[in-house]
Amino acid sequence: MYPWDKVEPSKDTTMRIIKECVDRGFEVSYLTTKDISISKGKVVGNCRKMITTQTDDCVEFYHTMKFEQSVRDITEFDMVFMRADPPIDPLLLNMLELIEDKVFFVNRISGLRKANNKIYAASFDDGLETIVPQTLITRDIDLIRTFVEENNFDKFIVKPLDGMGGKGVVLFEKNTIGNLASICDFYINHSGKAQPIICQNYIEGAEKGDVRVIVINGEPIGAIMRVPADGDHRSNISAGGSAIRHDLTPHEIELCRSMGKQLLDDGIYFCGVDLINGKMVELNIVSPGGIVPHNNVNNNLEIQKQIISMLLEKYKEFKK
């Protein structure tokens, strides 16, 4: 996961997962991406075993945490949650993939390799917008312009391939297309090496917010509506948006389930699916969040209990 001192315990999804596991009596340790090594042919980690005090309050749980530090063989653990922020270091994936058949990873390492960026979500594009809006991923600015003009988009979105939390998302309208080349050139070339970016048809209704669905083992189990702050087109909570209660429609449930088989086949057991107006606009499979706002708008329902129970069922299948 990310470093312990970067955790915001009042709203952090990872903390709710940790506390639920501790409350069930499991031994829980944490480590960061820098703490993984290979020693004598084994994948090892500089692990911090959590020594906790009994409390119902997650913020107090965080602040009173103590640790016992030791280097451990990662295969000694039964389950490993991948909760580092994207993008994932390919070298880390290379090391962990060596043991993915020996440890139950949430999510599976080969699945993370395949799906840890926005390219995976674009693979559900059938050109008919059945599941996702029309999407182009490219380094070619001329191709972006042609894509927009040929499809006659009134509005469209441009965003970086490795962005998160709504950062870098730009909304264009037809009368602002003159700025397209300069914006795209910045995103493509700002690092000194040309990087692909995403251009996507704008789904009407996005200004009202999006739906974040929590999907476990291919099954949608809960959702919130994320509403943008005034004057902002991004509904991400981290970008100033707010959450309200949302009951999934039959269409939204069916859409998530239609993706569920592919997600399970790829070892994606825990993910966040973002929907706008019945279309999937983003998949969050590296470190999906949303537990705290979901609980808050659903009368303090602790959805992490259901998440862990369902993942333990999948773990039993893994061990057979």
C-alpha atoms as a PDB file:
ATOM      1  CA  MET A   1       0.000   0.000   0.000  1.00  0.00           C
ATOM      2  CA  TYR A   2       0.984   3.674   0.106  1.00  0.00           C
ATOM      3  CA  PRO A   3       3.089   4.794   3.111  1.00  0.00           C
ATOM      4  CA  TRP A   4       1.316   4.703   6.474  1.00  0.00           C
ATOM      5  CA  ASP A   5       1.839   8.420   7.077  1.00  0.00           C
ATOM      6  CA  LYS A   6      -0.027   9.207   3.840  1.00  0.00           C
ATOM      7  CA  VAL A   7      -3.224   7.525   5.063  1.00  0.00           C
ATOM      8  CA  GLU A   8      -6.220   9.763   5.752  1.00  0.00           C
ATOM      9  CA  PRO A   9      -7.965   7.505   8.279  1.00  0.00           C
ATOM     10  CA  SER A  10     -11.294   9.314   8.305  1.00  0.00           C
ATOM     11  CA  LYS A  11     -11.944   8.468   4.638  1.00  0.00           C
ATOM     12  CA  ASP A  12      -9.479   5.756   3.636  1.00  0.00           C
ATOM     13  CA  THR A  13     -10.840   2.544   2.096  1.00  0.00           C
ATOM     14  CA  THR A  14      -7.672   0.559   2.851  1.00  0.00           C
ATOM     15  CA  MET A  15      -8.037   1.329   6.560  1.00  0.00           C
ATOM     16  CA  ARG A  16     -11.560  -0.125   6.571  1.00  0.00           C
ATOM     17  CA  ILE A  17     -10.280  -3.302   4.928  1.00  0.00           C
ATOM     18  CA  ILE A  18      -7.429  -3.562   7.436  1.00  0.00           C
ATOM     19  CA  LYS A  19      -9.682  -2.989  10.423  1.00  0.00           C
ATOM     20  CA  GLU A  20     -12.244  -5.527   9.232  1.00  0.00           C
ATOM     21  CA  CYS A  21      -9.515  -8.161   8.909  1.00  0.00           C
ATOM     22  CA  VAL A  22      -8.115  -7.296  12.344  1.00  0.00           C
ATOM     23  CA  ASP A  23     -11.616  -7.408  13.861  1.00  0.00           C
ATOM     24  CA  ARG A  24     -11.991 -10.956  12.512  1.00  0.00           C
ATOM     25  CA  GLY A  25      -8.836 -12.014  14.328  1.00  0.00           C
ATOM     26  CA  PHE A  26      -6.517 -12.214  11.328  1.00  0.00           C
ATOM     27  CA  GLU A  27      -2.832 -11.385  11.581  1.00  0.00           C
ATOM     28  CA  VAL A  28      -2.345  -8.335   9.353  1.00  0.00           C
ATOM     29  CA  SER A  29       0.885  -6.766   8.123  1.00  0.00           C
ATOM     30  CA  TYR A  30       1.524  -3.953   5.685  1.00  0.00           C
ATOM     31  CA  LEU A  31       4.352  -2.988   3.383  1.00  0.00           C
ATOM     32  CA  THR A  32       4.959  -0.476   0.604  1.00  0.00           C
ATOM     33  CA  THR A  33       6.119  -1.073  -2.950  1.00  0.00           C
ATOM     34  CA  LYS A  34       9.688  -0.198  -1.901  1.00  0.00           C
ATOM     35  CA  ASP A  35       9.700  -3.020   0.648  1.00  0.00           C
ATOM     36  CA  ILE A  36       9.596  -5.952  -1.816  1.00  0.00           C
ATOM     37  CA  SER A  37      12.837  -7.803  -2.639  1.00  0.00           C
ATOM     38  CA  ILE A  38      14.037 -11.153  -3.944  1.00  0.00           C
ATOM     39  CA  SER A  39      16.422 -13.005  -1.626  1.00  0.00           C
ATOM     40  CA  LYS A  40      17.725 -16.556  -2.096  1.00  0.00           C
ATOM     41  CA  GLY A  41      15.101 -17.185  -4.753  1.00  0.00           C
ATOM     42  CA  LYS A  42      12.225 -16.040  -2.534  1.00  0.00           C
ATOM     43  CA  VAL A  43      10.023 -12.964  -2.833  1.00  0.00           C
ATOM     44  CA  VAL A  44      10.341 -11.261   0.544  1.00  0.00           C
ATOM     45  CA  GLY A  45       8.996  -8.112   2.102  1.00  0.00           C
ATOM     46  CA  ASN A  46      10.003  -5.784   4.896  1.00  0.00           C
ATOM     47  CA  CYS A  47       6.672  -6.257   6.691  1.00  0.00           C
ATOM     48  CA  ARG A  48       5.166  -4.344   9.583  1.00  0.00           C
ATOM     49  CA  LYS A  49       2.873  -6.578  11.613  1.00  0.00           C
ATOM     50  CA  MET A  50       0.061  -4.557  13.157  1.00  0.00           C
ATOM     51  CA  ILE A  51      -0.351  -4.504  16.927  1.00  0.00           C
ATOM     52  CA  THR A  52      -3.716  -2.948  17.647  1.00  0.00           C
ATOM     53  CA  THR A  53      -5.888  -1.840  20.515  1.00  0.00           C
ATOM     54  CA  GLN A  54      -9.598  -2.641  20.717  1.00  0.00           C
ATOM     55  CA  THR A  55     -11.627   0.276  19.371  1.00  0.00           C
ATOM     56  CA  ASP A  56     -14.647   0.752  17.164  1.00  0.00           C
ATOM     57  CA  ASP A  57     -13.333   4.046  15.804  1.00  0.00           C
ATOM     58  CA  CYS A  58     -11.221   3.731  12.646  1.00  0.00           C
ATOM     59  CA  VAL A  59      -9.402   7.036  13.217  1.00  0.00           C
ATOM     60  CA  GLU A  60      -8.380   6.000  16.739  1.00  0.00           C
ATOM     61  CA  PHE A  61      -7.476   2.567  15.350  1.00  0.00           C
ATOM     62  CA  TYR A  62      -5.049   4.261  12.954  1.00  0.00           C
ATOM     63  CA  HIS A  63      -3.476   6.643  15.446  1.00  0.00           C
ATOM     64  CA  THR A  64      -2.908   4.015  18.160  1.00  0.00           C
ATOM     65  CA  MET A  65      -1.386   1.433  15.777  1.00  0.00           C
ATOM     66  CA  LYS A  66       1.984  -0.101  16.712  1.00  0.00           C
ATOM     67  CA  PHE A  67       4.143  -2.335  14.541  1.00  0.00           C
ATOM     68  CA  GLU A  68       6.553  -5.250  14.731  1.00  0.00           C
ATOM     69  CA  GLN A  69       8.929  -5.113  11.771  1.00  0.00           C
ATOM     70  CA  SER A  70      10.513  -8.170  10.129  1.00  0.00           C
ATOM     71  CA  VAL A  71      11.498  -9.522   6.732  1.00  0.00           C
ATOM     72  CA  ARG A  72       8.985 -12.196   5.702  1.00  0.00           C
ATOM     73  CA  ASP A  73       8.576 -14.591   2.807  1.00  0.00           C
ATOM     74  CA  ILE A  74       5.421 -13.274   1.098  1.00  0.00           C
ATOM     75  CA  THR A  75       4.191 -16.845   0.539  1.00  0.00           C
ATOM     76  CA  GLU A  76       3.778 -17.174   4.320  1.00  0.00           C
ATOM     77  CA  PHE A  77       0.647 -15.042   4.000  1.00  0.00           C
ATOM     78  CA  ASP A  78      -2.736 -16.402   2.911  1.00  0.00           C
ATOM     79  CA  MET A  79      -4.020 -13.282   1.163  1.00  0.00           C
ATOM     80  CA  VAL A  80      -2.295 -10.184  -0.204  1.00  0.00           C
ATOM     81  CA  PHE A  81      -4.229  -6.999  -0.997  1.00  0.00           C
ATOM     82  CA  MET A  82      -2.687  -4.751  -3.635  1.00  0.00           C
ATOM     83  CA  ARG A  83      -3.548  -1.209  -2.474  1.00  0.00           C
ATOM     84  CA  ALA A  84      -0.760   0.950  -3.939  1.00  0.00           C
ATOM     85  CA  ASP A  85      -1.871   3.932  -5.993  1.00  0.00           C
ATOM     86  CA  PRO A  86      -1.593   3.542  -9.782  1.00  0.00           C
ATOM     87  CA  PRO A  87       0.388   3.305 -11.921  1.00  0.00           C
ATOM     88  CA  ILE A  88       2.077   0.112 -10.721  1.00  0.00           C
ATOM     89  CA  ASP A  89       5.806  -0.346 -11.151  1.00  0.00           C
ATOM     90  CA  PRO A  90       6.278  -3.100 -13.790  1.00  0.00           C
ATOM     91  CA  LEU A  91       9.306  -4.411 -11.854  1.00  0.00           C
ATOM     92  CA  LEU A  92       7.091  -4.959  -8.808  1.00  0.00           C
ATOM     93  CA  LEU A  93       4.639  -6.925 -10.937  1.00  0.00           C
ATOM     94  CA  ASN A  94       7.518  -9.015 -12.317  1.00  0.00           C
ATOM     95  CA  MET A  95       8.589  -9.999  -8.796  1.00  0.00           C
ATOM     96  CA  LEU A  96       5.124 -10.719  -7.431  1.00  0.00           C
ATOM     97  CA  GLU A  97       4.044 -12.652 -10.494  1.00  0.00           C
ATOM     98  CA  LEU A  98       6.607 -15.296  -9.511  1.00  0.00           C
ATOM     99  CA  ILE A  99       4.395 -16.277  -6.562  1.00  0.00           C
ATOM    100  CA  GLU A 100       0.853 -15.533  -7.774  1.00  0.00           C
ATOM    101  CA  ASP A 101       0.023 -19.246  -7.837  1.00  0.00           C
ATOM    102  CA  LYS A 102       1.115 -19.633  -4.198  1.00  0.00           C
ATOM    103  CA  VAL A 103      -0.718 -16.654  -2.632  1.00  0.00           C
ATOM    104  CA  PHE A 104      -4.239 -15.337  -3.158  1.00  0.00           C
ATOM    105  CA  PHE A 105      -3.771 -11.813  -4.515  1.00  0.00           C
ATOM    106  CA  VAL A 106      -6.548  -9.223  -4.572  1.00  0.00           C
ATOM    107  CA  ASN A 107      -6.218  -8.567  -7.426  1.00  0.00           C
ATOM    108  CA  ARG A 108      -4.308 -11.294  -9.275  1.00  0.00           C
ATOM    109  CA  ILE A 109      -0.919 -10.041 -10.482  1.00  0.00           C
ATOM    110  CA  SER A 110      -1.323 -11.149 -14.100  1.00  0.00           C
ATOM    111  CA  GLY A 111      -4.741  -9.480 -14.058  1.00  0.00           C
ATOM    112  CA  LEU A 112      -3.242  -6.258 -12.728  1.00  0.00           C
ATOM    113  CA  ARG A 113      -0.614  -6.374 -15.441  1.00  0.00           C
ATOM    114  CA  LYS A 114      -3.354  -6.693 -18.041  1.00  0.00           C
ATOM    115  CA  ALA A 115      -5.838  -4.261 -16.507  1.00  0.00           C
ATOM    116  CA  ASN A 116      -3.916  -1.725 -14.398  1.00  0.00           C
ATOM    117  CA  ASN A 117      -4.494   1.111 -16.830  1.00  0.00           C
ATOM    118  CA  LYS A 118      -7.351   2.603 -18.785  1.00  0.00           C
ATOM    119  CA  ILE A 119      -6.560   0.535 -21.886  1.00  0.00           C
ATOM    120  CA  TYR A 120      -8.364  -2.420 -20.320  1.00  0.00           C
ATOM    121  CA  ALA A 121     -11.606  -0.471 -19.919  1.00  0.00           C
ATOM    122  CA  ALA A 122     -11.394   0.578 -23.563  1.00  0.00           C
ATOM    123  CA  SER A 123     -11.320  -3.099 -24.574  1.00  0.00           C
ATOM    124  CA  PHE A 124     -15.050  -3.254 -23.756  1.00  0.00           C
ATOM    125  CA  ASP A 125     -15.748  -0.733 -26.568  1.00  0.00           C
ATOM    126  CA  ASP A 126     -17.767  -2.419 -29.341  1.00  0.00           C
ATOM    127  CA  GLY A 127     -18.170   0.795 -31.354  1.00  0.00           C
ATOM    128  CA  LEU A 128     -21.890   0.845 -30.519  1.00  0.00           C
ATOM    129  CA  GLU A 129     -21.529   2.245 -26.983  1.00  0.00           C
ATOM    130  CA  THR A 130     -23.188  -0.863 -25.529  1.00  0.00           C
ATOM    131  CA  ILE A 131     -20.958  -0.772 -22.456  1.00  0.00           C
ATOM    132  CA  VAL A 132     -18.500   2.109 -22.873  1.00  0.00           C
ATOM    133  CA  PRO A 133     -18.541   5.411 -24.807  1.00  0.00           C
ATOM    134  CA  GLN A 134     -16.541   5.530 -28.016  1.00  0.00           C
ATOM    135  CA  THR A 135     -12.894   5.659 -27.007  1.00  0.00           C
ATOM    136  CA  LEU A 136      -9.581   6.372 -28.716  1.00  0.00           C
ATOM    137  CA  ILE A 137      -6.184   5.804 -27.093  1.00  0.00           C
ATOM    138  CA  THR A 138      -3.320   7.208 -29.121  1.00  0.00           C
ATOM    139  CA  ARG A 139      -0.216   9.413 -29.299  1.00  0.00           C
ATOM    140  CA  ASP A 140      -1.342  10.821 -32.671  1.00  0.00           C
ATOM    141  CA  ILE A 141      -2.940  14.290 -32.398  1.00  0.00           C
ATOM    142  CA  ASP A 142      -4.200  14.185 -36.004  1.00  0.00           C
ATOM    143  CA  LEU A 143      -5.948  10.899 -35.265  1.00  0.00           C
ATOM    144  CA  ILE A 144      -7.674  12.485 -32.266  1.00  0.00           C
ATOM    145  CA  ARG A 145      -8.954  15.364 -34.389  1.00  0.00           C
ATOM    146  CA  THR A 146     -10.204  12.952 -37.069  1.00  0.00           C
ATOM    147  CA  PHE A 147     -11.876  10.782 -34.419  1.00  0.00           C
ATOM    148  CA  VAL A 148     -13.741  13.781 -33.006  1.00  0.00           C
ATOM    149  CA  GLU A 149     -14.763  15.197 -36.379  1.00  0.00           C
ATOM    150  CA  GLU A 150     -15.844  11.902 -37.971  1.00  0.00           C
ATOM    151  CA  ASN A 151     -18.007  11.012 -34.975  1.00  0.00           C
ATOM    152  CA  ASN A 152     -19.399  14.544 -34.817  1.00  0.00           C
ATOM    153  CA  PHE A 153     -18.988  14.819 -31.048  1.00  0.00           C
ATOM    154  CA  ASP A 154     -20.614  17.886 -29.497  1.00  0.00           C
ATOM    155  CA  LYS A 155     -18.522  17.344 -26.368  1.00  0.00           C
ATOM    156  CA  PHE A 156     -15.638  15.031 -25.608  1.00  0.00           C
ATOM    157  CA  ILE A 157     -13.126  14.271 -22.862  1.00  0.00           C
ATOM    158  CA  VAL A 158      -9.338  14.136 -23.058  1.00  0.00           C
ATOM    159  CA  LYS A 159      -7.429  12.617 -20.128  1.00  0.00           C
ATOM    160  CA  PRO A 160      -4.037  11.067 -19.342  1.00  0.00           C
ATOM    161  CA  LEU A 161      -3.709   7.308 -19.466  1.00  0.00           C
ATOM    162  CA  ASP A 162      -2.305   6.985 -15.941  1.00  0.00           C
ATOM    163  CA  GLY A 163      -4.397   9.644 -14.174  1.00  0.00           C
ATOM    164  CA  MET A 164      -6.455   9.024 -11.057  1.00  0.00           C
ATOM    165  CA  GLY A 165      -8.878  10.927  -8.869  1.00  0.00           C
ATOM    166  CA  GLY A 166     -10.130  13.041 -11.782  1.00  0.00           C
ATOM    167  CA  LYS A 167      -6.740  14.709 -12.283  1.00  0.00           C
ATOM    168  CA  GLY A 168      -6.010  15.957 -15.788  1.00  0.00           C
ATOM    169  CA  VAL A 169      -9.497  15.421 -17.207  1.00  0.00           C
ATOM    170  CA  VAL A 170     -10.315  18.138 -19.781  1.00  0.00           C
ATOM    171  CA  LEU A 171     -13.773  18.735 -21.271  1.00  0.00           C
ATOM    172  CA  PHE A 172     -13.959  20.049 -24.854  1.00  0.00           C
ATOM    173  CA  GLU A 173     -16.909  21.417 -26.799  1.00  0.00           C
ATOM    174  CA  LYS A 174     -17.064  21.966 -30.559  1.00  0.00           C
ATOM    175  CA  ASN A 175     -16.356  25.681 -30.220  1.00  0.00           C
ATOM    176  CA  THR A 176     -13.175  24.991 -28.213  1.00  0.00           C
ATOM    177  CA  ILE A 177     -11.678  22.432 -30.589  1.00  0.00           C
ATOM    178  CA  GLY A 178      -9.087  25.028 -31.580  1.00  0.00           C
ATOM    179  CA  ASN A 179      -7.374  24.312 -28.252  1.00  0.00           C
ATOM    180  CA  LEU A 180      -7.269  20.575 -28.875  1.00  0.00           C
ATOM    181  CA  ALA A 181      -3.805  20.398 -30.459  1.00  0.00           C
ATOM    182  CA  SER A 182      -2.057  22.377 -27.713  1.00  0.00           C
ATOM    183  CA  ILE A 183      -3.737  20.475 -24.853  1.00  0.00           C
ATOM    184  CA  CYS A 184      -3.074  17.082 -26.445  1.00  0.00           C
ATOM    185  CA  ASP A 185       0.517  18.024 -27.234  1.00  0.00           C
ATOM    186  CA  PHE A 186       1.059  18.898 -23.561  1.00  0.00           C
ATOM    187  CA  TYR A 187      -0.363  15.592 -22.303  1.00  0.00           C
ATOM    188  CA  ILE A 188       1.413  13.503 -24.913  1.00  0.00           C
ATOM    189  CA  ASN A 189       4.853  15.115 -24.682  1.00  0.00           C
ATOM    190  CA  HIS A 190       5.103  16.689 -21.201  1.00  0.00           C
ATOM    191  CA  SER A 191       7.375  13.916 -19.884  1.00  0.00           C
ATOM    192  CA  GLY A 192       9.828  14.233 -22.774  1.00  0.00           C
ATOM    193  CA  LYS A 193       8.683  10.916 -24.200  1.00  0.00           C
ATOM    194  CA  ALA A 194       5.451  10.615 -26.164  1.00  0.00           C
ATOM    195  CA  GLN A 195       2.743   9.031 -24.008  1.00  0.00           C
ATOM    196  CA  PRO A 196      -0.673   7.816 -25.197  1.00  0.00           C
ATOM    197  CA  ILE A 197      -3.731   9.738 -24.020  1.00  0.00           C
ATOM    198  CA  ILE A 198      -7.440   8.968 -24.013  1.00  0.00           C
ATOM    199  CA  CYS A 199     -10.064  10.745 -26.069  1.00  0.00           C
ATOM    200  CA  GLN A 200     -13.626   9.733 -25.272  1.00  0.00           C
ATOM    201  CA  ASN A 201     -17.128  10.736 -26.255  1.00  0.00           C
ATOM    202  CA  TYR A 202     -18.722  12.829 -23.501  1.00  0.00           C
ATOM    203  CA  ILE A 203     -21.767  11.079 -22.062  1.00  0.00           C
ATOM    204  CA  GLU A 204     -24.679  13.423 -21.525  1.00  0.00           C
ATOM    205  CA  GLY A 205     -25.590  13.624 -17.877  1.00  0.00           C
ATOM    206  CA  ALA A 206     -21.967  13.602 -16.718  1.00  0.00           C
ATOM    207  CA  GLU A 207     -22.410  17.125 -15.380  1.00  0.00           C
ATOM    208  CA  LYS A 208     -24.877  15.671 -12.871  1.00  0.00           C
ATOM    209  CA  GLY A 209     -22.366  13.139 -11.575  1.00  0.00           C
ATOM    210  CA  ASP A 210     -21.389   9.515 -11.971  1.00  0.00           C
ATOM    211  CA  VAL A 211     -22.146   6.246 -10.223  1.00  0.00           C
ATOM    212  CA  ARG A 212     -19.338   4.373  -8.463  1.00  0.00           C
ATOM    213  CA  VAL A 213     -20.211   0.688  -8.197  1.00  0.00           C
ATOM    214  CA  ILE A 214     -18.300  -1.676  -5.912  1.00  0.00           C
ATOM    215  CA  VAL A 215     -17.955  -5.012  -7.717  1.00  0.00           C
ATOM    216  CA  ILE A 216     -16.747  -8.109  -5.852  1.00  0.00           C
ATOM    217  CA  ASN A 217     -16.220 -11.458  -7.614  1.00  0.00           C
ATOM    218  CA  GLY A 218     -18.021 -10.064 -10.664  1.00  0.00           C
ATOM    219  CA  GLU A 219     -21.098  -9.060  -8.656  1.00  0.00           C
ATOM    220  CA  PRO A 220     -22.180  -5.436  -8.011  1.00  0.00           C
ATOM    221  CA  ILE A 221     -22.820  -5.147  -4.268  1.00  0.00           C
ATOM    222  CA  GLY A 222     -23.252  -1.414  -3.692  1.00  0.00           C
ATOM    223  CA  ALA A 223     -23.054   2.027  -5.263  1.00  0.00           C
ATOM    224  CA  ILE A 224     -22.998   5.749  -4.638  1.00  0.00           C
ATOM    225  CA  MET A 225     -23.771   8.725  -6.866  1.00  0.00           C
ATOM    226  CA  ARG A 226     -20.845  11.148  -6.960  1.00  0.00           C
ATOM    227  CA  VAL A 227     -21.932  14.727  -7.619  1.00  0.00           C
ATOM    228  CA  PRO A 228     -19.466  17.355  -8.924  1.00  0.00           C
ATOM    229  CA  ALA A 229     -18.688  20.488  -6.966  1.00  0.00           C
ATOM    230  CA  ASP A 230     -20.115  23.713  -8.407  1.00  0.00           C
ATOM    231  CA  GLY A 231     -18.266  24.755 -11.547  1.00  0.00           C
ATOM    232  CA  ASP A 232     -16.428  21.423 -11.963  1.00  0.00           C
ATOM    233  CA  HIS A 233     -17.192  18.606 -14.408  1.00  0.00           C
ATOM    234  CA  ARG A 234     -15.327  15.998 -12.331  1.00  0.00           C
ATOM    235  CA  SER A 235     -17.332  14.041  -9.794  1.00  0.00           C
ATOM    236  CA  ASN A 236     -14.415  12.328  -8.035  1.00  0.00           C
ATOM    237  CA  ILE A 237     -14.602  12.707  -4.256  1.00  0.00           C
ATOM    238  CA  SER A 238     -10.884  13.574  -4.225  1.00  0.00           C
ATOM    239  CA  ALA A 239     -11.606  16.404  -6.687  1.00  0.00           C
ATOM    240  CA  GLY A 240     -14.216  18.005  -4.433  1.00  0.00           C
ATOM    241  CA  GLY A 241     -17.272  15.975  -5.399  1.00  0.00           C
ATOM    242  CA  SER A 242     -19.781  14.690  -2.864  1.00  0.00           C
ATOM    243  CA  ALA A 243     -21.630  11.391  -2.484  1.00  0.00           C
ATOM    244  CA  ILE A 244     -25.337  10.675  -2.278  1.00  0.00           C
ATOM    245  CA  ARG A 245     -27.275   7.425  -1.991  1.00  0.00           C
ATOM    246  CA  HIS A 246     -27.859   5.496  -5.218  1.00  0.00           C
ATOM    247  CA  ASP A 247     -29.882   2.352  -5.834  1.00  0.00           C
ATOM    248  CA  LEU A 248     -28.575   0.474  -8.852  1.00  0.00           C
ATOM    249  CA  THR A 249     -31.010   0.190 -11.747  1.00  0.00           C
ATOM    250  CA  PRO A 250     -31.648  -3.194 -13.416  1.00  0.00           C
ATOM    251  CA  HIS A 251     -29.663  -1.949 -16.441  1.00  0.00           C
ATOM    252  CA  GLU A 252     -26.682  -0.934 -14.278  1.00  0.00           C
ATOM    253  CA  ILE A 253     -26.718  -4.289 -12.499  1.00  0.00           C
ATOM    254  CA  GLU A 254     -26.850  -6.169 -15.798  1.00  0.00           C
ATOM    255  CA  LEU A 255     -24.061  -4.032 -17.286  1.00  0.00           C
ATOM    256  CA  CYS A 256     -21.749  -4.784 -14.340  1.00  0.00           C
ATOM    257  CA  ARG A 257     -22.610  -8.478 -14.431  1.00  0.00           C
ATOM    258  CA  SER A 258     -21.995  -8.603 -18.183  1.00  0.00           C
ATOM    259  CA  MET A 259     -18.439  -7.445 -17.462  1.00  0.00           C
ATOM    260  CA  GLY A 260     -18.134  -9.701 -14.416  1.00  0.00           C
ATOM    261  CA  LYS A 261     -17.141 -12.907 -16.199  1.00  0.00           C
ATOM    262  CA  GLN A 262     -14.230 -11.203 -17.965  1.00  0.00           C
ATOM    263  CA  LEU A 263     -13.144  -9.571 -14.704  1.00  0.00           C
ATOM    264  CA  LEU A 264     -13.177 -12.918 -12.886  1.00  0.00           C
ATOM    265  CA  ASP A 265     -11.366 -14.693 -15.719  1.00  0.00           C
ATOM    266  CA  ASP A 266      -8.624 -12.077 -15.402  1.00  0.00           C
ATOM    267  CA  GLY A 267      -8.433 -12.380 -11.598  1.00  0.00           C
ATOM    268  CA  ILE A 268     -10.022  -8.992 -10.903  1.00  0.00           C
ATOM    269  CA  TYR A 269     -11.960  -9.812  -7.729  1.00  0.00           C
ATOM    270  CA  PHE A 270     -12.322  -6.293  -6.302  1.00  0.00           C
ATOM    271  CA  CYS A 271     -12.922  -3.290  -8.527  1.00  0.00           C
ATOM    272  CA  GLY A 272     -14.725   0.002  -8.808  1.00  0.00           C
ATOM    273  CA  VAL A 273     -16.837   0.542 -11.915  1.00  0.00           C
ATOM    274  CA  ASP A 274     -17.743   4.123 -12.804  1.00  0.00           C
ATOM    275  CA  LEU A 275     -20.982   4.603 -14.756  1.00  0.00           C
ATOM    276  CA  ILE A 276     -22.545   7.636 -16.393  1.00  0.00           C
ATOM    277  CA  ASN A 277     -26.009   7.414 -17.893  1.00  0.00           C
ATOM    278  CA  GLY A 278     -25.811   3.645 -18.208  1.00  0.00           C
ATOM    279  CA  LYS A 279     -22.294   3.575 -19.707  1.00  0.00           C
ATOM    280  CA  MET A 280     -19.059   2.409 -18.093  1.00  0.00           C
ATOM    281  CA  VAL A 281     -16.518   5.234 -18.232  1.00  0.00           C
ATOM    282  CA  GLU A 282     -13.763   3.858 -16.005  1.00  0.00           C
ATOM    283  CA  LEU A 283     -12.574   0.748 -14.179  1.00  0.00           C
ATOM    284  CA  ASN A 284     -10.578   1.054 -10.959  1.00  0.00           C
ATOM    285  CA  ILE A 285      -8.789  -2.212 -10.300  1.00  0.00           C
ATOM    286  CA  VAL A 286      -5.494  -1.242  -8.645  1.00  0.00           C
ATOM    287  CA  SER A 287      -6.707   0.424  -5.456  1.00  0.00           C
ATOM    288  CA  PRO A 288     -10.483   0.885  -5.714  1.00  0.00           C
ATOM    289  CA  GLY A 289     -11.990   3.147  -3.077  1.00  0.00           C
ATOM    290  CA  GLY A 290     -15.427   4.349  -2.131  1.00  0.00           C
ATOM    291  CA  ILE A 291     -16.121   2.341   1.030  1.00  0.00           C
ATOM    292  CA  VAL A 292     -16.380   5.336   3.374  1.00  0.00           C
ATOM    293  CA  PRO A 293     -18.775   7.470   1.293  1.00  0.00           C
ATOM    294  CA  HIS A 294     -20.830   4.340   0.565  1.00  0.00           C
ATOM    295  CA  ASN A 295     -21.152   3.594   4.266  1.00  0.00           C
ATOM    296  CA  ASN A 296     -21.909   7.226   5.106  1.00  0.00           C
ATOM    297  CA  VAL A 297     -24.863   7.533   2.719  1.00  0.00           C
ATOM    298  CA  ASN A 298     -26.262   4.127   3.635  1.00  0.00           C
ATOM    299  CA  ASN A 299     -26.838   4.660   7.357  1.00  0.00           C
ATOM    300  CA  ASN A 300     -23.283   3.627   8.291  1.00  0.00           C
ATOM    301  CA  LEU A 301     -23.626   0.263   6.593  1.00  0.00           C
ATOM    302  CA  GLU A 302     -20.204  -1.392   6.818  1.00  0.00           C
ATOM    303  CA  ILE A 303     -19.889  -2.781   3.310  1.00  0.00           C
ATOM    304  CA  GLN A 304     -16.302  -3.875   4.057  1.00  0.00           C
ATOM    305  CA  LYS A 305     -17.799  -6.802   5.979  1.00  0.00           C
ATOM    306  CA  GLN A 306     -19.492  -8.079   2.826  1.00  0.00           C
ATOM    307  CA  ILE A 307     -16.371  -7.410   0.763  1.00  0.00           C
ATOM    308  CA  ILE A 308     -14.130  -9.483   3.044  1.00  0.00           C
ATOM    309  CA  SER A 309     -16.705 -12.296   3.363  1.00  0.00           C
ATOM    310  CA  MET A 310     -17.023 -12.587  -0.418  1.00  0.00           C
ATOM    311  CA  LEU A 311     -13.255 -12.502  -0.942  1.00  0.00           C
ATOM    312  CA  LEU A 312     -12.796 -15.229   1.679  1.00  0.00           C
ATOM    313  CA  GLU A 313     -15.178 -17.404  -0.368  1.00  0.00           C
ATOM    314  CA  LYS A 314     -13.008 -16.823  -3.437  1.00  0.00           C
ATOM    315  CA  TYR A 315      -9.905 -17.614  -1.334  1.00  0.00           C
ATOM    316  CA  LYS A 316     -11.415 -21.030  -0.446  1.00  0.00           C
ATOM    317  CA  GLU A 317     -11.806 -21.729  -4.173  1.00  0.00           C
ATOM    318  CA  PHE A 318      -8.183 -20.721  -4.725  1.00  0.00           C
ATOM    319  CA  LYS A 319      -6.952 -23.154  -2.055  1.00  0.00           C
ATOM    320  CA  LYS A 320      -8.787 -26.170  -3.492  1.00  0.00           C
END
